[in-house]
Amino acid sequence: MKKRTLFMLICISIVMLLTLISCGKPKSAQELYEKVDKEMSKLNSYEMDMELEMTFYMDSYKISSEATGHGIEDGLVSGDYYFYQEMNTTVEAKGLSLNQTQKNVEAYDNGNYFILNESDGSSQKLYSPLTAQEALDYRADNDMDTLDIINDCTDKTFSQKEDGTWEMSCSGYTKSAIEDMEKGMGLDNDMLDAEIMDMKMSLTADKDFRATTITLELVFEKKNNAPTVSITINFSKYDAAERLTNQLNTADYTQVADIRLLTDVEDMLQERIESEQGSFAMDLTQTVRSSTGTQSSTYKENNKISYGEGDSGYFYDIDATISNQKYDISYQKGVQTVQSGTQKKTNAQTEQEARAYIESLINSGSYDPGIVSKIEKRGEGVYRFTCNPATAAYESYYANMGGKFTSANQTITVTIKEGRIIKIQNVILAQGSVVNYGSVSLTVNTTVTFD
């Protein structure tokens, strides 16, 4: 999922659906929708209130999420573009003692694009200057751009009420439309553990054909503990939106080289992961050193990997050298084969597991937009991301040695050429202490280079 949260992506995407149609007359559901789009495109500003309710199950534990949000669009016609969107999300699972809250803000004001994420005591506040057109293009690039909400549903109705207002509804969506919606929303079938069978979309508009409410409900396969997802967006203050700027002070945010890289790098990584034919080298060096000099070790690994879709489905082939020992690791038709010299071992592996394995090698630095605290341009097409990595693995590492974890920092340097990632360098430095060894540092250095 883009690390805008899933919930923010869903709401932005549903709002952006209004930009997918052209003008027309309301003689059918499709023409009504086109008429609404025409009238909405005339507005210079409006506001939105958004609600999302979602439930799914993990190992029979019910996980519930509720999100509420407020959005403002202004300067759409005048050219003095501004937008503000805030989402507040709660995720709860009583059986897992889980209760988390998140606040997410995206905004564009006075030539600057802002992103704020707050969750469980952590905070990310970044901005970079962008032109109004760059901000509009960035928003469009991060929303669904292939779903024709009208043409891809088979059942559609519309009607006009006695008071002159309008209603329309759509269902019976094609498989491709559902897949586009899943991708645009960042939905994870593995997490939801159920197939989306259909979608139900409804739109209401006032007598002037201005959208008042959009709702979307996902219809899942019938099964025990089936998930639910529903979204409601209400529109108001047509050409009378009030800008919020008191929270958008650049002095409170960290300026980065280009805020668009947060999601652009994630997209470029995903493009590599999903490539039908790909190859890359992955080199890893792990070093442990103690201040007493009594503990020092180095682990090295060099891999040349090819992967993709072959005649027999998904495959990968890895030529690995691990601590001077050569291995050939391959996957095909549900079987992983590991061979070193005359020794050969096979293991059952699902295609999903095989794909996840290659993804873990490509994204060996576990790039996550949500943990980035700084972005610096280091050269033409070269950017260094300073990150606040998750620390659980390092805490366990020191605990297993009878020691104590102190800190960890991470940098990820990405080289981009012609819109594609060609190299990723990841460096993690963890610090801790261990009895009898004093201070102990752990350095993990990985480099992924694409052919």
Protein backbone atom coordinates (compact mmCIF):
# COMPACT_ATOMS: atom_id res chain seq x y z
CA MET A 1 0.00 0.00 0.00
CA LYS A 2 1.18 3.38 -0.69
CA LYS A 3 2.20 4.69 2.71
CA ARG A 4 -0.35 7.30 2.50
CA THR A 5 -2.64 5.08 4.55
CA LEU A 6 -5.01 2.73 2.77
CA PHE A 7 -7.90 4.82 4.10
CA MET A 8 -6.59 8.11 2.73
CA LEU A 9 -5.96 6.48 -0.65
CA ILE A 10 -9.48 5.09 -0.78
CA CYS A 11 -11.10 8.42 -0.03
CA ILE A 12 -8.89 10.40 -2.42
CA SER A 13 -9.54 7.83 -5.14
CA ILE A 14 -13.32 7.92 -4.76
CA VAL A 15 -13.33 11.71 -4.93
CA MET A 16 -11.15 11.62 -8.04
CA LEU A 17 -13.67 9.39 -9.80
CA LEU A 18 -15.57 12.55 -10.67
CA THR A 19 -12.76 13.52 -13.02
CA LEU A 20 -13.11 10.45 -15.19
CA ILE A 21 -16.09 11.40 -17.29
CA SER A 22 -17.04 14.03 -19.85
CA CYS A 23 -20.08 16.26 -20.24
CA GLY A 24 -23.56 15.21 -21.44
CA LYS A 25 -27.31 15.31 -20.71
CA PRO A 26 -29.03 13.28 -17.96
CA LYS A 27 -31.06 10.91 -20.12
CA SER A 28 -29.38 7.86 -18.57
CA ALA A 29 -27.29 7.00 -15.52
CA GLN A 30 -24.12 7.55 -17.48
CA GLU A 31 -25.27 10.91 -18.82
CA LEU A 32 -26.36 11.97 -15.35
CA TYR A 33 -22.89 11.18 -14.07
CA GLU A 34 -21.36 13.13 -16.94
CA LYS A 35 -23.63 16.08 -16.18
CA VAL A 36 -22.55 16.03 -12.53
CA ASP A 37 -18.93 15.98 -13.62
CA LYS A 38 -19.51 18.97 -15.89
CA GLU A 39 -21.10 21.01 -13.10
CA MET A 40 -18.49 20.00 -10.52
CA SER A 41 -15.71 21.02 -12.89
CA LYS A 42 -17.15 24.54 -12.96
CA LEU A 43 -16.68 24.95 -9.22
CA ASN A 44 -13.72 26.91 -7.93
CA SER A 45 -13.99 25.30 -4.50
CA TYR A 46 -15.89 22.83 -2.35
CA GLU A 47 -15.45 20.84 0.87
CA MET A 48 -15.84 17.13 1.64
CA ASP A 49 -16.51 15.05 4.74
CA MET A 50 -15.48 11.42 4.52
CA GLU A 51 -16.22 8.29 6.53
CA LEU A 52 -14.84 4.80 6.14
CA GLU A 53 -15.78 1.62 8.01
CA MET A 54 -13.84 -1.58 7.53
CA THR A 55 -13.73 -4.97 9.23
CA PHE A 56 -11.65 -8.04 8.50
CA TYR A 57 -10.46 -11.10 10.35
CA MET A 58 -6.97 -12.36 11.10
CA ASP A 59 -6.67 -15.81 12.65
CA SER A 60 -10.34 -15.49 13.67
CA TYR A 61 -9.68 -12.18 15.44
CA LYS A 62 -11.93 -9.36 14.32
CA ILE A 63 -10.11 -6.17 13.35
CA SER A 64 -12.20 -3.02 12.96
CA SER A 65 -11.19 0.27 11.48
CA GLU A 66 -12.99 3.57 11.33
CA ALA A 67 -11.74 6.67 9.55
CA THR A 68 -13.16 10.16 9.35
CA GLY A 69 -11.79 12.95 7.25
CA HIS A 70 -12.25 16.42 5.92
CA GLY A 71 -11.12 17.72 2.56
CA ILE A 72 -10.97 21.16 0.95
CA GLU A 73 -10.35 22.01 -2.71
CA ASP A 74 -9.94 25.64 -3.73
CA GLY A 75 -8.57 27.60 -6.65
CA LEU A 76 -9.62 24.94 -9.16
CA VAL A 77 -10.74 27.56 -11.67
CA SER A 78 -9.03 30.74 -10.47
CA GLY A 79 -5.59 29.10 -10.64
CA ASP A 80 -4.63 29.85 -7.03
CA TYR A 81 -4.70 26.14 -6.23
CA TYR A 82 -5.01 24.87 -2.66
CA PHE A 83 -6.07 21.60 -1.12
CA TYR A 84 -6.18 20.15 2.38
CA GLN A 85 -7.13 16.63 3.34
CA GLU A 86 -7.00 15.19 6.84
CA MET A 87 -7.85 11.62 7.87
CA ASN A 88 -8.09 10.32 11.43
CA THR A 89 -8.11 6.54 11.68
CA THR A 90 -8.65 4.10 14.52
CA VAL A 91 -7.77 0.40 14.24
CA GLU A 92 -9.04 -1.88 17.00
CA ALA A 93 -8.89 -5.61 17.74
CA LYS A 94 -10.04 -6.44 21.24
CA GLY A 95 -8.82 -10.03 21.06
CA LEU A 96 -5.33 -8.82 20.17
CA SER A 97 -5.29 -5.91 22.63
CA LEU A 98 -4.84 -3.63 19.63
CA ASN A 99 -5.98 -0.02 19.64
CA GLN A 100 -4.09 2.31 17.33
CA THR A 101 -4.83 5.79 16.06
CA GLN A 102 -3.37 7.59 13.06
CA LYS A 103 -3.54 11.13 11.75
CA ASN A 104 -2.66 11.78 8.12
CA VAL A 105 -2.59 15.13 6.37
CA GLU A 106 -1.78 16.02 2.77
CA ALA A 107 -1.99 19.62 1.69
CA TYR A 108 -0.83 22.13 -0.88
CA ASP A 109 -0.62 25.79 0.03
CA ASN A 110 1.37 28.80 -1.14
CA GLY A 111 3.61 26.76 -3.46
CA ASN A 112 4.46 24.00 -0.96
CA TYR A 113 3.27 20.39 -0.71
CA PHE A 114 2.94 19.07 2.87
CA ILE A 115 2.67 15.54 4.27
CA LEU A 116 2.06 14.76 7.93
CA ASN A 117 1.76 11.31 9.51
CA GLU A 118 1.32 10.75 13.24
CA SER A 119 0.87 7.36 14.89
CA ASP A 120 1.71 5.85 18.28
CA GLY A 121 3.97 8.68 19.32
CA SER A 122 5.89 8.87 16.03
CA SER A 123 5.63 11.85 13.73
CA GLN A 124 6.59 12.59 10.14
CA LYS A 125 6.27 16.18 8.89
CA LEU A 126 7.79 16.87 5.47
CA TYR A 127 7.33 19.40 2.69
CA SER A 128 8.86 20.53 -0.57
CA PRO A 129 8.13 23.36 -2.99
CA LEU A 130 6.01 22.35 -6.02
CA THR A 131 4.18 24.32 -8.66
CA ALA A 132 0.39 24.09 -8.64
CA GLN A 133 0.48 21.95 -11.78
CA GLU A 134 3.08 19.62 -10.24
CA ALA A 135 0.85 19.23 -7.17
CA LEU A 136 -2.20 18.47 -9.32
CA ASP A 137 -0.26 15.99 -11.44
CA TYR A 138 1.17 14.29 -8.35
CA ARG A 139 -2.30 13.82 -6.87
CA ALA A 140 -3.60 12.44 -10.15
CA ASP A 141 -0.63 10.06 -10.48
CA ASN A 142 -1.36 8.61 -7.05
CA ASP A 143 -5.04 7.98 -7.72
CA MET A 144 -6.83 5.49 -9.89
CA ASP A 145 -6.59 6.38 -13.56
CA THR A 146 -8.00 3.33 -15.36
CA LEU A 147 -11.45 2.84 -13.85
CA ASP A 148 -14.45 3.97 -15.89
CA ILE A 149 -17.03 3.79 -13.11
CA ILE A 150 -19.95 3.81 -15.53
CA ASN A 151 -18.85 1.75 -18.52
CA ASP A 152 -17.49 -1.06 -16.36
CA CYS A 153 -20.72 -1.81 -14.50
CA THR A 154 -23.58 -3.77 -16.01
CA ASP A 155 -26.39 -2.67 -13.70
CA LYS A 156 -27.07 1.06 -13.44
CA THR A 157 -30.18 3.03 -12.53
CA PHE A 158 -31.01 6.70 -12.09
CA SER A 159 -34.00 8.77 -11.08
CA GLN A 160 -35.09 12.30 -10.28
CA LYS A 161 -36.97 13.01 -7.06
CA GLU A 162 -39.95 15.35 -6.72
CA ASP A 163 -37.72 18.03 -5.21
CA GLY A 164 -35.53 18.02 -8.33
CA THR A 165 -32.57 16.16 -6.82
CA TRP A 166 -31.00 13.16 -8.55
CA GLU A 167 -29.94 9.64 -7.61
CA MET A 168 -28.00 6.98 -9.45
CA SER A 169 -26.54 3.60 -8.53
CA CYS A 170 -24.13 1.16 -10.16
CA SER A 171 -23.31 -2.50 -9.53
CA GLY A 172 -22.40 -5.61 -11.51
CA TYR A 173 -18.82 -4.50 -12.12
CA THR A 174 -16.49 -6.30 -14.47
CA LYS A 175 -13.54 -8.26 -13.13
CA SER A 176 -11.07 -5.76 -14.62
CA ALA A 177 -12.87 -2.86 -12.94
CA ILE A 178 -12.71 -4.63 -9.57
CA GLU A 179 -9.01 -5.36 -10.04
CA ASP A 180 -8.38 -1.70 -10.90
CA MET A 181 -10.27 -0.63 -7.80
CA GLU A 182 -8.27 -3.05 -5.63
CA LYS A 183 -5.00 -1.73 -7.02
CA GLY A 184 -6.05 1.90 -6.76
CA MET A 185 -7.14 1.44 -3.14
CA GLY A 186 -4.09 -0.59 -2.17
CA LEU A 187 -6.27 -3.43 -0.91
CA ASP A 188 -4.47 -6.61 0.07
CA ASN A 189 -6.37 -9.84 -0.64
CA ASP A 190 -4.07 -11.73 1.71
CA MET A 191 -4.97 -9.39 4.53
CA LEU A 192 -8.68 -9.44 3.74
CA ASP A 193 -8.64 -13.20 3.04
CA ALA A 194 -11.64 -12.89 0.71
CA GLU A 195 -12.34 -12.14 -2.92
CA ILE A 196 -14.20 -8.98 -3.92
CA MET A 197 -17.15 -10.11 -6.02
CA ASP A 198 -18.74 -6.74 -6.82
CA MET A 199 -19.01 -3.09 -5.86
CA LYS A 200 -22.06 -0.96 -5.16
CA MET A 201 -21.65 2.72 -5.95
CA SER A 202 -24.31 5.40 -5.47
CA LEU A 203 -24.35 9.11 -6.22
CA THR A 204 -26.78 11.81 -5.20
CA ALA A 205 -26.82 15.31 -6.66
CA ASP A 206 -28.82 18.46 -6.07
CA LYS A 207 -31.14 19.99 -8.65
CA ASP A 208 -28.16 21.92 -10.06
CA PHE A 209 -26.32 18.62 -10.68
CA ARG A 210 -23.74 19.23 -7.98
CA ALA A 211 -22.66 16.04 -6.19
CA THR A 212 -23.94 15.85 -2.62
CA THR A 213 -23.01 12.28 -1.62
CA ILE A 214 -20.98 9.41 -3.04
CA THR A 215 -21.04 5.99 -1.37
CA LEU A 216 -19.13 2.84 -2.18
CA GLU A 217 -19.58 -0.62 -0.71
CA LEU A 218 -17.43 -3.62 -1.59
CA VAL A 219 -19.25 -6.94 -1.90
CA PHE A 220 -17.15 -9.90 -0.82
CA GLU A 221 -17.62 -13.60 -1.39
CA LYS A 222 -20.08 -15.19 1.01
CA LYS A 223 -18.13 -16.91 3.77
CA ASN A 224 -17.80 -16.93 7.51
CA ASN A 225 -16.07 -13.85 8.84
CA ALA A 226 -16.31 -12.05 5.51
CA PRO A 227 -14.76 -8.55 5.57
CA THR A 228 -16.68 -5.35 5.00
CA VAL A 229 -15.62 -2.04 3.46
CA SER A 230 -17.88 0.98 3.03
CA ILE A 231 -17.09 4.62 2.25
CA THR A 232 -19.27 7.74 2.33
CA ILE A 233 -18.26 11.18 1.05
CA ASN A 234 -20.46 14.24 1.49
CA PHE A 235 -19.87 17.47 -0.48
CA SER A 236 -20.69 20.99 0.72
CA LYS A 237 -19.73 24.69 0.56
CA TYR A 238 -19.77 24.91 -3.24
CA ASP A 239 -17.64 27.92 -4.23
CA ALA A 240 -17.53 28.86 -0.54
CA ALA A 241 -14.76 26.64 0.87
CA GLU A 242 -12.71 28.00 3.75
CA ARG A 243 -8.97 27.40 3.63
CA LEU A 244 -7.11 25.99 6.65
CA THR A 245 -3.58 27.33 6.78
CA ASN A 246 -2.75 27.59 10.48
CA GLN A 247 -1.35 24.02 10.44
CA LEU A 248 0.79 24.58 7.32
CA ASN A 249 3.81 26.48 8.59
CA THR A 250 7.03 25.46 6.84
CA ALA A 251 8.96 26.17 10.06
CA ASP A 252 7.21 23.16 11.64
CA TYR A 253 8.11 20.81 8.77
CA THR A 254 11.36 19.42 7.35
CA GLN A 255 12.08 20.47 3.78
CA VAL A 256 13.07 17.59 1.48
CA ALA A 257 14.51 17.58 -2.02
CA ASP A 258 11.27 16.43 -3.65
CA ILE A 259 8.35 15.11 -1.64
CA ARG A 260 7.00 13.23 -4.66
CA LEU A 261 9.89 10.77 -4.30
CA LEU A 262 8.22 9.29 -1.22
CA THR A 263 5.68 7.43 -3.33
CA ASP A 264 7.56 7.55 -6.64
CA VAL A 265 10.35 5.33 -5.25
CA GLU A 266 7.77 2.93 -3.85
CA ASP A 267 6.08 2.76 -7.25
CA MET A 268 9.39 2.20 -9.04
CA LEU A 269 10.27 -0.62 -6.64
CA GLN A 270 6.87 -2.21 -7.25
CA GLU A 271 7.42 -1.95 -11.00
CA ARG A 272 10.68 -3.90 -10.61
CA ILE A 273 9.01 -6.47 -8.36
CA GLU A 274 6.17 -7.06 -10.83
CA SER A 275 8.40 -7.19 -13.92
CA GLU A 276 7.65 -10.11 -16.25
CA GLN A 277 11.39 -10.55 -16.81
CA GLY A 278 14.00 -9.06 -14.51
CA SER A 279 17.53 -9.52 -13.21
CA PHE A 280 19.68 -7.85 -10.58
CA ALA A 281 22.64 -8.33 -8.27
CA MET A 282 22.24 -8.17 -4.50
CA ASP A 283 25.34 -7.86 -2.35
CA LEU A 284 25.24 -7.95 1.44
CA THR A 285 27.90 -7.33 4.08
CA GLN A 286 27.16 -7.59 7.79
CA THR A 287 29.82 -6.55 10.31
CA VAL A 288 29.84 -6.82 14.10
CA ARG A 289 32.47 -4.99 16.16
CA SER A 290 32.93 -4.52 19.90
CA SER A 291 34.69 -1.66 21.68
CA THR A 292 36.89 -4.16 23.55
CA GLY A 293 38.12 -5.67 20.29
CA THR A 294 37.22 -9.15 21.51
CA GLN A 295 34.17 -9.47 19.26
CA SER A 296 34.49 -8.95 15.52
CA SER A 297 32.94 -10.80 12.61
CA THR A 298 32.00 -10.20 8.99
CA TYR A 299 29.40 -11.99 6.90
CA LYS A 300 29.28 -11.58 3.12
CA GLU A 301 26.78 -12.62 0.53
CA ASN A 302 26.75 -12.02 -3.24
CA ASN A 303 23.75 -12.93 -5.37
CA LYS A 304 22.89 -12.74 -9.06
CA ILE A 305 19.17 -13.14 -9.54
CA SER A 306 16.86 -13.56 -12.53
CA TYR A 307 13.09 -13.85 -12.10
CA GLY A 308 9.77 -13.43 -13.85
CA GLU A 309 7.20 -15.31 -15.88
CA GLY A 310 8.42 -18.33 -17.85
CA ASP A 311 6.77 -21.07 -19.86
CA SER A 312 5.92 -22.89 -16.61
CA GLY A 313 4.78 -19.85 -14.68
CA TYR A 314 6.66 -17.76 -12.14
CA PHE A 315 10.33 -18.62 -11.61
CA TYR A 316 13.58 -17.40 -10.11
CA ASP A 317 17.21 -18.47 -10.42
CA ILE A 318 19.85 -17.31 -7.95
CA ASP A 319 23.61 -17.79 -8.18
CA ALA A 320 24.70 -17.15 -4.61
CA THR A 321 28.07 -16.99 -2.90
CA ILE A 322 27.69 -17.08 0.87
CA SER A 323 30.85 -17.02 2.99
CA ASN A 324 32.83 -18.30 -0.02
CA GLN A 325 30.39 -21.20 -0.52
CA LYS A 326 28.54 -21.30 -3.85
CA TYR A 327 24.83 -22.13 -4.06
CA ASP A 328 22.31 -22.42 -6.86
CA ILE A 329 18.82 -21.58 -5.64
CA SER A 330 15.87 -21.88 -8.02
CA TYR A 331 12.09 -21.97 -7.97
CA GLN A 332 9.60 -23.43 -10.43
CA LYS A 333 6.16 -25.05 -10.24
CA GLY A 334 5.84 -24.90 -6.45
CA VAL A 335 9.30 -26.29 -5.67
CA GLN A 336 12.40 -24.51 -4.44
CA THR A 337 15.69 -26.28 -5.18
CA VAL A 338 18.92 -25.48 -3.34
CA GLN A 339 22.12 -27.04 -4.66
CA SER A 340 25.69 -26.69 -3.39
CA GLY A 341 28.28 -28.92 -4.99
CA THR A 342 26.84 -32.43 -5.09
CA GLN A 343 24.30 -31.74 -2.35
CA LYS A 344 20.76 -30.98 -3.47
CA LYS A 345 17.68 -30.18 -1.42
CA THR A 346 14.12 -29.41 -2.44
CA ASN A 347 11.42 -27.58 -0.48
CA ALA A 348 7.76 -26.92 -1.16
CA GLN A 349 7.15 -23.23 -1.86
CA THR A 350 3.99 -21.56 -3.08
CA GLU A 351 4.12 -19.02 -5.88
CA GLN A 352 3.04 -16.38 -3.37
CA GLU A 353 6.00 -17.28 -1.14
CA ALA A 354 8.35 -17.26 -4.13
CA ARG A 355 7.22 -13.79 -5.18
CA ALA A 356 7.52 -12.54 -1.60
CA TYR A 357 11.08 -13.91 -1.44
CA ILE A 358 12.15 -11.99 -4.55
CA GLU A 359 10.40 -8.89 -3.23
CA SER A 360 12.40 -9.16 0.01
CA LEU A 361 15.64 -9.22 -2.01
CA ILE A 362 14.69 -6.30 -4.28
CA ASN A 363 13.48 -4.23 -1.32
CA SER A 364 16.22 -5.52 0.98
CA GLY A 365 16.32 -2.16 2.75
CA SER A 366 12.59 -2.43 3.57
CA TYR A 367 11.91 1.00 2.07
CA ASP A 368 8.82 2.54 3.65
CA PRO A 369 7.72 6.12 2.89
CA GLY A 370 6.31 6.38 6.40
CA ILE A 371 9.74 6.17 8.12
CA VAL A 372 11.55 8.72 5.94
CA SER A 373 12.74 11.79 7.85
CA LYS A 374 14.93 13.45 5.20
CA ILE A 375 15.52 13.36 1.43
CA GLU A 376 18.72 14.85 -0.03
CA LYS A 377 19.80 15.12 -3.65
CA ARG A 378 23.32 13.69 -3.91
CA GLY A 379 23.82 13.96 -7.66
CA GLU A 380 21.98 13.70 -10.95
CA GLY A 381 19.22 11.17 -10.30
CA VAL A 382 20.78 10.17 -6.94
CA TYR A 383 18.84 10.70 -3.71
CA ARG A 384 19.62 9.73 -0.14
CA PHE A 385 16.76 8.96 2.25
CA THR A 386 17.37 9.14 5.98
CA CYS A 387 15.01 6.75 7.76
CA ASN A 388 13.88 5.80 11.24
CA PRO A 389 13.85 2.00 10.96
CA ALA A 390 11.73 -0.41 12.97
CA THR A 391 13.85 -1.55 15.90
CA ALA A 392 12.26 -4.85 16.99
CA ALA A 393 14.76 -7.01 15.05
CA TYR A 394 17.75 -5.18 16.53
CA GLU A 395 16.33 -5.27 20.03
CA SER A 396 16.03 -9.05 19.66
CA TYR A 397 19.56 -9.30 18.26
CA TYR A 398 21.13 -7.67 21.31
CA ALA A 399 18.77 -9.43 23.73
CA ASN A 400 19.84 -12.81 22.31
CA MET A 401 23.45 -11.91 23.19
CA GLY A 402 22.43 -10.95 26.69
CA GLY A 403 22.85 -7.31 25.87
CA LYS A 404 20.84 -4.14 25.42
CA PHE A 405 19.90 -2.28 22.25
CA THR A 406 20.63 1.45 22.20
CA SER A 407 19.82 2.92 18.77
CA ALA A 408 19.60 2.33 15.01
CA ASN A 409 19.71 4.59 11.99
CA GLN A 410 19.32 3.90 8.30
CA THR A 411 20.10 5.55 4.98
CA ILE A 412 18.84 4.40 1.61
CA THR A 413 20.49 5.87 -1.48
CA VAL A 414 18.52 5.46 -4.71
CA THR A 415 19.83 6.02 -8.22
CA ILE A 416 17.15 6.78 -10.82
CA LYS A 417 17.61 6.88 -14.57
CA GLU A 418 14.87 7.54 -17.14
CA GLY A 419 12.16 7.03 -14.53
CA ARG A 420 13.45 3.68 -13.27
CA ILE A 421 15.47 2.64 -10.25
CA ILE A 422 18.82 1.21 -11.32
CA LYS A 423 20.53 0.99 -7.93
CA ILE A 424 19.63 0.93 -4.23
CA GLN A 425 22.20 1.15 -1.46
CA ASN A 426 21.02 0.49 2.08
CA VAL A 427 23.09 1.04 5.24
CA ILE A 428 21.85 0.28 8.74
CA LEU A 429 23.95 0.98 11.83
CA ALA A 430 22.70 -0.42 15.12
CA GLN A 431 24.33 0.24 18.48
CA GLY A 432 24.09 -1.61 21.75
CA SER A 433 26.05 -3.01 24.63
CA VAL A 434 26.87 -6.56 25.70
CA VAL A 435 28.40 -7.70 28.99
CA ASN A 436 32.14 -8.45 28.60
CA TYR A 437 32.19 -6.91 25.11
CA GLY A 438 31.34 -3.31 25.91
CA SER A 439 29.72 -1.32 23.09
CA VAL A 440 28.81 -3.50 20.12
CA SER A 441 27.96 -2.11 16.68
CA LEU A 442 26.10 -3.97 13.96
CA THR A 443 26.44 -2.63 10.42
CA VAL A 444 24.33 -4.05 7.58
CA ASN A 445 25.18 -2.86 4.07
CA THR A 446 23.17 -4.08 1.06
CA THR A 447 23.38 -2.98 -2.55
CA VAL A 448 20.87 -3.94 -5.25
CA THR A 449 21.89 -3.20 -8.83
CA PHE A 450 19.49 -3.85 -11.69
CA ASP A 451 20.70 -5.00 -15.11
